[in-house]
Amino acid sequence: MPAGKTIPVEEILTIDVKPGWKKGTKITFPEKGNEQPHTIAADLVFIIDEKPHPVYTRDGNDLVATQKIPLAEALTGYTVHLTTLDGRSLTVPISSVIHPGYEEVVRGEGMPIPKDPSRKGNLRVKFDIKFPARLTADQKSGVKRLLGQ
């Protein structure tokens, strides 16, 4: 074979992605990239990205889920039903009044913390309260009477 000629070499590299790794985490395979004659091969670097999830968004080690609920349930009580990322059913009863900006925190149901996988961030449940578009005069007076105003 003439000197300086390159031949393609195929190698399988495995990335063991750990639960809780954040977007931007770099995985480097030293000297596994392209190489030229008489030079050291370049490093091969992968950067973790996140795929969007239909229910959860990530905020650091916390997971955030937003629930759409009617005003009546926001005032009288609501039970959150979620499936966790690892497939468990999670039920969170809320008996307090859910107001705009209210957030229910469930400790330890967020993302695993990479340096200590036995610990997890929190699950934060936010609420999008569906207010009625209009009320009849009877409904208005009934609400005023019930709320004591």
N, C-alpha and C. Protein backbone atom coordinates (compact mmCIF):
# COMPACT_ATOMS: atom_id res chain seq x y z
N MET A 1 0.85 -1.17 0.00
CA MET A 1 0.00 0.00 0.00
C MET A 1 0.90 1.23 0.00
N PRO A 2 0.61 2.22 -0.86
CA PRO A 2 1.44 3.41 -0.93
C PRO A 2 1.32 4.22 0.36
N ALA A 3 2.42 4.85 0.76
CA ALA A 3 2.40 5.67 1.98
C ALA A 3 1.46 6.85 1.79
N GLY A 4 0.75 7.22 2.88
CA GLY A 4 -0.14 8.38 2.82
C GLY A 4 -1.54 8.06 2.36
N LYS A 5 -1.80 6.84 1.95
CA LYS A 5 -3.14 6.48 1.51
C LYS A 5 -4.00 6.15 2.74
N THR A 6 -5.23 6.62 2.75
CA THR A 6 -6.13 6.36 3.89
C THR A 6 -7.13 5.28 3.53
N ILE A 7 -7.47 4.51 4.53
CA ILE A 7 -8.52 3.50 4.35
C ILE A 7 -9.57 3.72 5.43
N PRO A 8 -10.84 3.59 5.08
CA PRO A 8 -11.88 3.78 6.11
C PRO A 8 -11.87 2.62 7.11
N VAL A 9 -12.03 2.96 8.36
CA VAL A 9 -12.10 1.97 9.44
C VAL A 9 -13.41 2.21 10.18
N GLU A 10 -14.16 1.15 10.39
CA GLU A 10 -15.44 1.27 11.09
C GLU A 10 -15.27 0.78 12.52
N GLU A 11 -15.79 1.56 13.47
CA GLU A 11 -15.72 1.18 14.88
C GLU A 11 -17.03 1.60 15.54
N ILE A 12 -17.56 0.74 16.38
CA ILE A 12 -18.79 1.06 17.09
C ILE A 12 -18.43 1.62 18.47
N LEU A 13 -18.94 2.80 18.75
CA LEU A 13 -18.73 3.43 20.04
C LEU A 13 -20.07 3.47 20.77
N THR A 14 -20.08 3.18 22.05
CA THR A 14 -21.32 3.15 22.82
C THR A 14 -21.33 4.27 23.83
N ILE A 15 -22.45 4.98 23.89
CA ILE A 15 -22.63 6.04 24.88
C ILE A 15 -23.65 5.53 25.88
N ASP A 16 -23.25 5.44 27.13
CA ASP A 16 -24.15 5.01 28.20
C ASP A 16 -24.75 6.27 28.82
N VAL A 17 -25.89 6.72 28.28
CA VAL A 17 -26.52 7.96 28.75
C VAL A 17 -27.11 7.71 30.13
N LYS A 18 -26.71 8.51 31.08
CA LYS A 18 -27.16 8.36 32.47
C LYS A 18 -28.44 9.18 32.69
N PRO A 19 -29.39 8.62 33.47
CA PRO A 19 -30.60 9.39 33.79
C PRO A 19 -30.21 10.69 34.48
N GLY A 20 -30.84 11.77 34.06
CA GLY A 20 -30.59 13.06 34.68
C GLY A 20 -29.58 13.93 33.97
N TRP A 21 -28.85 13.37 32.96
CA TRP A 21 -27.91 14.21 32.23
C TRP A 21 -28.66 15.38 31.62
N LYS A 22 -28.05 16.54 31.67
CA LYS A 22 -28.67 17.76 31.17
C LYS A 22 -28.27 18.03 29.72
N LYS A 23 -29.10 18.82 29.07
CA LYS A 23 -28.79 19.30 27.73
C LYS A 23 -27.43 20.01 27.79
N GLY A 24 -26.58 19.73 26.83
CA GLY A 24 -25.26 20.36 26.79
C GLY A 24 -24.15 19.49 27.38
N THR A 25 -24.51 18.36 28.03
CA THR A 25 -23.49 17.45 28.55
C THR A 25 -22.67 16.92 27.38
N LYS A 26 -21.33 16.94 27.53
CA LYS A 26 -20.44 16.50 26.45
C LYS A 26 -19.87 15.12 26.77
N ILE A 27 -19.83 14.27 25.76
CA ILE A 27 -19.21 12.96 25.86
C ILE A 27 -18.09 12.96 24.82
N THR A 28 -16.87 12.72 25.27
CA THR A 28 -15.71 12.78 24.37
C THR A 28 -15.06 11.40 24.25
N PHE A 29 -14.81 11.00 23.01
CA PHE A 29 -14.03 9.81 22.71
C PHE A 29 -12.69 10.31 22.17
N PRO A 30 -11.65 10.30 23.01
CA PRO A 30 -10.35 10.83 22.57
C PRO A 30 -9.79 10.06 21.38
N GLU A 31 -9.32 10.83 20.41
CA GLU A 31 -8.64 10.30 19.22
C GLU A 31 -9.47 9.28 18.44
N LYS A 32 -10.79 9.47 18.41
CA LYS A 32 -11.66 8.57 17.64
C LYS A 32 -12.26 9.28 16.42
N GLY A 33 -11.88 10.51 16.19
CA GLY A 33 -12.40 11.26 15.05
C GLY A 33 -11.58 11.02 13.80
N ASN A 34 -11.76 11.87 12.81
CA ASN A 34 -11.01 11.74 11.55
C ASN A 34 -9.52 11.91 11.81
N GLU A 35 -8.76 11.21 11.00
CA GLU A 35 -7.31 11.35 11.11
C GLU A 35 -6.70 11.52 9.74
N GLN A 36 -5.57 12.15 9.72
CA GLN A 36 -4.80 12.36 8.49
C GLN A 36 -3.44 11.68 8.67
N PRO A 37 -2.79 11.35 7.58
CA PRO A 37 -1.46 10.75 7.72
C PRO A 37 -0.52 11.66 8.52
N HIS A 38 0.24 11.05 9.41
CA HIS A 38 1.26 11.73 10.21
C HIS A 38 0.68 12.70 11.23
N THR A 39 -0.58 12.55 11.58
CA THR A 39 -1.19 13.39 12.63
C THR A 39 -2.01 12.50 13.57
N ILE A 40 -2.21 13.01 14.77
CA ILE A 40 -3.02 12.29 15.76
C ILE A 40 -4.50 12.51 15.40
N ALA A 41 -5.29 11.47 15.55
CA ALA A 41 -6.72 11.57 15.22
C ALA A 41 -7.41 12.59 16.12
N ALA A 42 -8.40 13.23 15.57
CA ALA A 42 -9.17 14.22 16.34
C ALA A 42 -10.05 13.51 17.37
N ASP A 43 -10.48 14.26 18.39
CA ASP A 43 -11.43 13.72 19.36
C ASP A 43 -12.82 13.73 18.73
N LEU A 44 -13.64 12.77 19.11
CA LEU A 44 -15.03 12.71 18.67
C LEU A 44 -15.87 13.15 19.87
N VAL A 45 -16.66 14.21 19.70
CA VAL A 45 -17.42 14.79 20.80
C VAL A 45 -18.90 14.77 20.47
N PHE A 46 -19.70 14.22 21.41
CA PHE A 46 -21.15 14.24 21.30
C PHE A 46 -21.69 15.18 22.37
N ILE A 47 -22.72 15.92 22.03
CA ILE A 47 -23.35 16.83 22.98
C ILE A 47 -24.81 16.42 23.14
N ILE A 48 -25.21 16.20 24.40
CA ILE A 48 -26.58 15.76 24.71
C ILE A 48 -27.58 16.87 24.41
N ASP A 49 -28.67 16.49 23.77
CA ASP A 49 -29.80 17.39 23.56
C ASP A 49 -31.02 16.73 24.19
N GLU A 50 -32.09 17.48 24.35
CA GLU A 50 -33.31 16.92 24.94
C GLU A 50 -34.43 16.95 23.91
N LYS A 51 -35.21 15.88 23.90
CA LYS A 51 -36.40 15.85 23.07
C LYS A 51 -37.56 16.40 23.88
N PRO A 52 -38.44 17.17 23.26
CA PRO A 52 -39.60 17.65 24.01
C PRO A 52 -40.50 16.50 24.44
N HIS A 53 -41.13 16.63 25.59
CA HIS A 53 -42.04 15.62 26.12
C HIS A 53 -43.44 16.21 26.09
N PRO A 54 -44.47 15.40 25.81
CA PRO A 54 -45.82 15.96 25.71
C PRO A 54 -46.39 16.46 27.05
N VAL A 55 -45.87 15.99 28.18
CA VAL A 55 -46.44 16.38 29.48
C VAL A 55 -45.47 17.23 30.30
N TYR A 56 -44.20 16.87 30.31
CA TYR A 56 -43.23 17.48 31.21
C TYR A 56 -42.25 18.39 30.48
N THR A 57 -41.86 19.45 31.18
CA THR A 57 -40.71 20.24 30.76
C THR A 57 -39.70 20.16 31.89
N ARG A 58 -38.47 20.42 31.57
CA ARG A 58 -37.41 20.30 32.58
C ARG A 58 -36.95 21.68 33.00
N ASP A 59 -36.74 21.85 34.30
CA ASP A 59 -36.19 23.08 34.85
C ASP A 59 -35.10 22.67 35.84
N GLY A 60 -33.87 22.58 35.36
CA GLY A 60 -32.78 22.05 36.18
C GLY A 60 -33.04 20.58 36.45
N ASN A 61 -33.12 20.20 37.73
CA ASN A 61 -33.44 18.81 38.09
C ASN A 61 -34.93 18.62 38.34
N ASP A 62 -35.70 19.69 38.23
CA ASP A 62 -37.15 19.61 38.44
C ASP A 62 -37.87 19.30 37.13
N LEU A 63 -39.00 18.62 37.26
CA LEU A 63 -39.91 18.43 36.14
C LEU A 63 -41.13 19.30 36.40
N VAL A 64 -41.66 19.91 35.34
CA VAL A 64 -42.82 20.78 35.46
C VAL A 64 -43.92 20.23 34.56
N ALA A 65 -45.11 20.06 35.13
CA ALA A 65 -46.29 19.63 34.36
C ALA A 65 -47.38 20.66 34.58
N THR A 66 -48.06 21.04 33.52
CA THR A 66 -49.15 22.01 33.62
C THR A 66 -50.47 21.28 33.35
N GLN A 67 -51.43 21.46 34.27
CA GLN A 67 -52.75 20.84 34.15
C GLN A 67 -53.78 21.91 33.83
N LYS A 68 -54.64 21.65 32.84
CA LYS A 68 -55.77 22.55 32.54
C LYS A 68 -56.95 22.07 33.38
N ILE A 69 -57.50 22.98 34.20
CA ILE A 69 -58.64 22.58 35.04
C ILE A 69 -59.72 23.65 35.01
N PRO A 70 -60.97 23.24 35.17
CA PRO A 70 -62.07 24.21 35.21
C PRO A 70 -62.03 25.01 36.52
N LEU A 71 -62.59 26.21 36.48
CA LEU A 71 -62.63 27.09 37.65
C LEU A 71 -63.30 26.40 38.84
N ALA A 72 -64.38 25.66 38.59
CA ALA A 72 -65.09 25.00 39.70
C ALA A 72 -64.17 24.04 40.45
N GLU A 73 -63.35 23.28 39.72
CA GLU A 73 -62.42 22.36 40.39
C GLU A 73 -61.28 23.10 41.06
N ALA A 74 -60.87 24.23 40.49
CA ALA A 74 -59.82 25.03 41.12
C ALA A 74 -60.29 25.53 42.49
N LEU A 75 -61.58 25.82 42.60
CA LEU A 75 -62.13 26.35 43.86
C LEU A 75 -62.50 25.26 44.86
N THR A 76 -62.87 24.08 44.36
CA THR A 76 -63.43 23.06 45.26
C THR A 76 -62.53 21.85 45.51
N GLY A 77 -61.42 21.72 44.79
CA GLY A 77 -60.52 20.59 44.98
C GLY A 77 -60.31 19.85 43.67
N TYR A 78 -59.11 19.32 43.53
CA TYR A 78 -58.75 18.67 42.28
C TYR A 78 -57.74 17.57 42.59
N THR A 79 -57.76 16.50 41.82
CA THR A 79 -56.77 15.44 41.97
C THR A 79 -56.00 15.33 40.67
N VAL A 80 -54.68 15.48 40.77
CA VAL A 80 -53.80 15.38 39.62
C VAL A 80 -53.47 13.90 39.41
N HIS A 81 -53.63 13.43 38.17
CA HIS A 81 -53.25 12.07 37.80
C HIS A 81 -52.19 12.17 36.70
N LEU A 82 -51.00 11.66 36.98
CA LEU A 82 -49.91 11.71 36.01
C LEU A 82 -49.23 10.35 35.93
N THR A 83 -48.65 10.09 34.78
CA THR A 83 -47.78 8.93 34.63
C THR A 83 -46.36 9.46 34.65
N THR A 84 -45.54 8.94 35.57
CA THR A 84 -44.17 9.42 35.69
C THR A 84 -43.34 8.96 34.50
N LEU A 85 -42.15 9.53 34.34
CA LEU A 85 -41.29 9.15 33.22
C LEU A 85 -40.88 7.69 33.28
N ASP A 86 -40.87 7.11 34.50
CA ASP A 86 -40.52 5.69 34.61
C ASP A 86 -41.75 4.79 34.63
N GLY A 87 -42.94 5.34 34.25
CA GLY A 87 -44.14 4.53 34.03
C GLY A 87 -45.05 4.32 35.23
N ARG A 88 -44.73 4.92 36.38
CA ARG A 88 -45.61 4.77 37.55
C ARG A 88 -46.80 5.73 37.46
N SER A 89 -47.92 5.34 38.09
CA SER A 89 -49.08 6.23 38.18
C SER A 89 -48.92 7.06 39.45
N LEU A 90 -49.08 8.36 39.30
CA LEU A 90 -48.92 9.27 40.43
C LEU A 90 -50.23 10.02 40.63
N THR A 91 -50.74 10.00 41.86
CA THR A 91 -51.98 10.70 42.20
C THR A 91 -51.65 11.74 43.25
N VAL A 92 -52.02 12.99 42.97
CA VAL A 92 -51.74 14.08 43.90
C VAL A 92 -53.05 14.81 44.21
N PRO A 93 -53.67 14.54 45.38
CA PRO A 93 -54.89 15.25 45.74
C PRO A 93 -54.56 16.66 46.24
N ILE A 94 -55.35 17.62 45.78
CA ILE A 94 -55.15 19.02 46.21
C ILE A 94 -56.47 19.51 46.78
N SER A 95 -56.46 19.85 48.06
CA SER A 95 -57.70 20.30 48.70
C SER A 95 -57.74 21.81 48.87
N SER A 96 -56.60 22.48 48.76
CA SER A 96 -56.60 23.94 48.89
C SER A 96 -57.09 24.58 47.61
N VAL A 97 -57.45 25.86 47.69
CA VAL A 97 -57.93 26.60 46.51
C VAL A 97 -56.76 26.80 45.56
N ILE A 98 -56.97 26.44 44.31
CA ILE A 98 -55.93 26.62 43.29
C ILE A 98 -56.19 27.96 42.61
N HIS A 99 -55.28 28.89 42.83
CA HIS A 99 -55.43 30.23 42.27
C HIS A 99 -54.43 30.41 41.12
N PRO A 100 -54.61 31.43 40.28
CA PRO A 100 -53.63 31.66 39.21
C PRO A 100 -52.23 31.81 39.83
N GLY A 101 -51.28 31.10 39.30
CA GLY A 101 -49.91 31.13 39.82
C GLY A 101 -49.63 30.06 40.86
N TYR A 102 -50.68 29.32 41.30
CA TYR A 102 -50.51 28.26 42.30
C TYR A 102 -49.64 27.15 41.71
N GLU A 103 -48.79 26.58 42.56
CA GLU A 103 -47.91 25.50 42.14
C GLU A 103 -47.86 24.46 43.25
N GLU A 104 -48.11 23.22 42.91
CA GLU A 104 -48.02 22.12 43.88
C GLU A 104 -46.67 21.43 43.65
N VAL A 105 -45.88 21.27 44.72
CA VAL A 105 -44.56 20.65 44.61
C VAL A 105 -44.60 19.24 45.22
N VAL A 106 -44.19 18.26 44.43
CA VAL A 106 -44.09 16.89 44.91
C VAL A 106 -42.60 16.56 45.00
N ARG A 107 -42.10 16.47 46.20
CA ARG A 107 -40.66 16.26 46.43
C ARG A 107 -40.20 14.88 45.91
N GLY A 108 -39.04 14.89 45.27
CA GLY A 108 -38.41 13.64 44.86
C GLY A 108 -39.00 12.96 43.63
N GLU A 109 -39.85 13.65 42.87
CA GLU A 109 -40.44 13.05 41.67
C GLU A 109 -39.93 13.71 40.39
N GLY A 110 -38.79 14.42 40.50
CA GLY A 110 -38.19 15.06 39.32
C GLY A 110 -37.14 14.17 38.68
N MET A 111 -36.16 14.80 38.06
CA MET A 111 -35.09 14.08 37.36
C MET A 111 -34.06 13.59 38.37
N PRO A 112 -33.45 12.42 38.09
CA PRO A 112 -32.36 11.95 38.96
C PRO A 112 -31.20 12.94 38.90
N ILE A 113 -30.54 13.11 40.02
CA ILE A 113 -29.38 14.00 40.08
C ILE A 113 -28.16 13.17 39.67
N PRO A 114 -27.50 13.53 38.54
CA PRO A 114 -26.46 12.67 37.98
C PRO A 114 -25.35 12.27 38.96
N LYS A 115 -24.94 13.17 39.84
CA LYS A 115 -23.84 12.85 40.76
C LYS A 115 -24.30 12.01 41.93
N ASP A 116 -25.63 11.93 42.15
CA ASP A 116 -26.19 11.12 43.23
C ASP A 116 -27.55 10.60 42.78
N PRO A 117 -27.58 9.53 41.94
CA PRO A 117 -28.84 9.05 41.36
C PRO A 117 -29.88 8.60 42.38
N SER A 118 -29.50 8.44 43.65
CA SER A 118 -30.50 8.07 44.65
C SER A 118 -31.36 9.29 45.02
N ARG A 119 -30.92 10.48 44.65
CA ARG A 119 -31.70 11.70 44.90
C ARG A 119 -32.30 12.19 43.59
N LYS A 120 -33.46 12.84 43.72
CA LYS A 120 -34.12 13.39 42.53
C LYS A 120 -34.57 14.82 42.81
N GLY A 121 -34.77 15.56 41.73
CA GLY A 121 -35.36 16.88 41.84
C GLY A 121 -36.85 16.73 42.18
N ASN A 122 -37.59 17.81 42.06
CA ASN A 122 -39.01 17.81 42.41
C ASN A 122 -39.88 17.84 41.16
N LEU A 123 -41.11 17.43 41.33
CA LEU A 123 -42.14 17.60 40.31
C LEU A 123 -42.94 18.83 40.72
N ARG A 124 -43.04 19.79 39.81
CA ARG A 124 -43.83 20.99 40.09
C ARG A 124 -45.04 20.98 39.16
N VAL A 125 -46.23 20.95 39.76
CA VAL A 125 -47.46 20.95 38.98
C VAL A 125 -48.00 22.36 38.98
N LYS A 126 -48.14 22.91 37.76
CA LYS A 126 -48.72 24.25 37.59
C LYS A 126 -50.12 24.07 37.01
N PHE A 127 -50.91 25.12 37.09
CA PHE A 127 -52.30 25.01 36.66
C PHE A 127 -52.68 26.13 35.71
N ASP A 128 -53.42 25.73 34.69
CA ASP A 128 -54.01 26.67 33.74
C ASP A 128 -55.51 26.59 34.01
N ILE A 129 -56.04 27.59 34.69
CA ILE A 129 -57.45 27.57 35.11
C ILE A 129 -58.32 28.11 33.98
N LYS A 130 -59.31 27.29 33.58
CA LYS A 130 -60.23 27.69 32.52
C LYS A 130 -61.39 28.46 33.15
N PHE A 131 -61.39 29.75 32.95
CA PHE A 131 -62.48 30.59 33.44
C PHE A 131 -63.62 30.57 32.42
N PRO A 132 -64.87 30.67 32.90
CA PRO A 132 -65.98 30.71 31.94
C PRO A 132 -65.91 31.98 31.09
N ALA A 133 -66.35 31.88 29.84
CA ALA A 133 -66.33 33.04 28.94
C ALA A 133 -67.38 34.07 29.37
N ARG A 134 -68.50 33.58 29.92
CA ARG A 134 -69.56 34.50 30.38
C ARG A 134 -70.42 33.79 31.41
N LEU A 135 -71.11 34.57 32.21
CA LEU A 135 -72.04 34.05 33.21
C LEU A 135 -73.39 34.73 33.03
N THR A 136 -74.45 33.99 33.29
CA THR A 136 -75.78 34.61 33.26
C THR A 136 -75.94 35.44 34.52
N ALA A 137 -76.97 36.27 34.56
CA ALA A 137 -77.24 37.10 35.75
C ALA A 137 -77.48 36.21 36.97
N ASP A 138 -78.22 35.10 36.78
CA ASP A 138 -78.46 34.17 37.89
C ASP A 138 -77.17 33.54 38.39
N GLN A 139 -76.29 33.15 37.46
CA GLN A 139 -75.01 32.56 37.86
C GLN A 139 -74.17 33.59 38.63
N LYS A 140 -74.17 34.83 38.17
CA LYS A 140 -73.41 35.89 38.85
C LYS A 140 -73.91 36.09 40.27
N SER A 141 -75.23 36.19 40.42
CA SER A 141 -75.77 36.41 41.76
C SER A 141 -75.55 35.17 42.65
N GLY A 142 -75.59 33.98 42.05
CA GLY A 142 -75.34 32.75 42.80
C GLY A 142 -73.88 32.70 43.29
N VAL A 143 -72.96 33.08 42.43
CA VAL A 143 -71.55 33.09 42.82
C VAL A 143 -71.32 34.10 43.94
N LYS A 144 -71.91 35.29 43.79
CA LYS A 144 -71.77 36.31 44.85
C LYS A 144 -72.34 35.81 46.17
N ARG A 145 -73.49 35.17 46.10
CA ARG A 145 -74.12 34.65 47.33
C ARG A 145 -73.26 33.57 47.97
N LEU A 146 -72.76 32.63 47.14
CA LEU A 146 -71.93 31.54 47.66
C LEU A 146 -70.61 32.02 48.23
N LEU A 147 -70.02 33.01 47.60
CA LEU A 147 -68.72 33.50 48.05
C LEU A 147 -68.85 34.58 49.12
N GLY A 148 -70.08 34.96 49.44
CA GLY A 148 -70.30 35.94 50.51
C GLY A 148 -69.86 37.34 50.15
N GLN A 149 -70.11 37.76 48.93
CA GLN A 149 -69.70 39.11 48.51
C GLN A 149 -70.88 39.93 48.10
